[in-house]
Amino acid sequence: MKEHDLKSGVGARLFGNSSERKRMVGALVHAFITNTEITSDRDYQSSLLRLKVEFKDRTKEDKSPNLEKIQDLVKNKVIHVPEV
């Protein structure tokens, strides 16, 4: 799925029919995998705690606009919906 497809209609595709939902979840997984990197924090002895995944070239102050849109989508369509 192309990047412009990922930016438009994410909510409709995630909560639409099953084939669109499957493709959208696949596109999101791909976007997260290709835009992250594994880093190591030497303050921890355990390898499970030492390794962490971060978005490439992003700081906490410089959040991706797409990530913010996804967070808002989850908040509005999942967290604030009593039926879920």
Protein backbone atom coordinates (compact mmCIF):
# COMPACT_ATOMS: atom_id res chain seq x y z
CA MET A 1 0.00 0.00 0.00
CA LYS A 2 1.35 3.41 -0.95
CA GLU A 3 2.13 6.08 1.66
CA HIS A 4 -0.68 8.37 0.49
CA ASP A 5 -3.10 5.45 0.97
CA LEU A 6 -1.92 5.16 4.55
CA LYS A 7 -2.65 8.83 5.27
CA SER A 8 -6.17 8.97 3.83
CA GLY A 9 -9.14 7.14 5.28
CA VAL A 10 -7.31 5.16 7.96
CA GLY A 11 -10.31 5.15 10.28
CA ALA A 12 -12.77 4.11 7.58
CA ARG A 13 -10.52 1.25 6.50
CA LEU A 14 -9.77 0.04 10.02
CA PHE A 15 -13.45 -0.06 10.93
CA GLY A 16 -14.75 -0.99 7.46
CA ASN A 17 -15.20 -4.40 5.86
CA SER A 18 -12.81 -7.22 6.71
CA SER A 19 -10.71 -7.11 3.52
CA GLU A 20 -10.08 -3.36 3.84
CA ARG A 21 -9.34 -3.77 7.55
CA LYS A 22 -6.84 -6.56 6.80
CA ARG A 23 -5.04 -4.42 4.20
CA MET A 24 -5.00 -1.37 6.49
CA VAL A 25 -3.59 -3.34 9.43
CA GLY A 26 -0.92 -4.74 7.10
CA ALA A 27 -0.05 -1.24 5.88
CA LEU A 28 0.19 0.06 9.46
CA VAL A 29 2.39 -2.84 10.55
CA HIS A 30 4.64 -2.26 7.54
CA ALA A 31 4.86 1.48 8.27
CA PHE A 32 5.76 0.88 11.91
CA ILE A 33 8.35 -1.78 11.11
CA THR A 34 10.07 0.21 8.39
CA ASN A 35 10.15 3.42 10.44
CA THR A 36 11.53 2.03 13.69
CA GLU A 37 14.89 0.90 14.94
CA ILE A 38 16.08 -1.16 17.89
CA THR A 39 18.29 0.71 20.34
CA SER A 40 20.07 -0.37 23.48
CA ASP A 41 20.00 1.24 26.92
CA ARG A 42 23.16 0.20 28.78
CA ASP A 43 21.62 1.16 32.15
CA TYR A 44 19.83 -2.20 32.24
CA GLN A 45 21.57 -5.54 32.80
CA SER A 46 18.78 -7.68 31.37
CA SER A 47 18.81 -7.87 27.59
CA LEU A 48 15.00 -7.84 27.57
CA LEU A 49 14.96 -4.49 29.34
CA ARG A 50 18.01 -3.10 27.58
CA LEU A 51 16.54 -3.29 24.08
CA LYS A 52 13.82 -0.88 22.99
CA VAL A 53 12.17 0.15 19.76
CA GLU A 54 12.12 3.80 18.72
CA PHE A 55 10.91 5.67 15.69
CA LYS A 56 13.79 6.59 13.39
CA ASP A 57 15.03 10.18 13.60
CA ARG A 58 12.32 11.27 16.01
CA THR A 59 12.53 12.75 19.45
CA LYS A 60 9.72 12.76 21.98
CA GLU A 61 9.11 16.43 21.18
CA ASP A 62 9.01 15.73 17.41
CA LYS A 63 6.17 13.21 17.16
CA SER A 64 5.05 12.07 13.74
CA PRO A 65 1.78 13.72 12.68
CA ASN A 66 0.61 10.30 11.46
CA LEU A 67 1.27 8.79 14.88
CA GLU A 68 -0.79 11.54 16.50
CA LYS A 69 -3.64 10.87 14.06
CA ILE A 70 -3.56 7.16 14.89
CA GLN A 71 -3.54 7.93 18.63
CA ASP A 72 -6.55 10.23 18.19
CA LEU A 73 -8.31 7.59 16.11
CA VAL A 74 -7.80 4.91 18.78
CA LYS A 75 -8.90 7.30 21.52
CA ASN A 76 -12.10 8.28 19.68
CA LYS A 77 -13.05 4.93 18.12
CA VAL A 78 -11.90 2.51 20.83
CA ILE A 79 -11.20 4.06 24.22
CA HIS A 80 -14.16 6.46 24.39
CA VAL A 81 -16.67 4.01 22.94
CA PRO A 82 -18.56 2.20 25.72
CA GLU A 83 -19.29 -0.88 23.56
CA VAL A 84 -15.59 -1.70 23.09
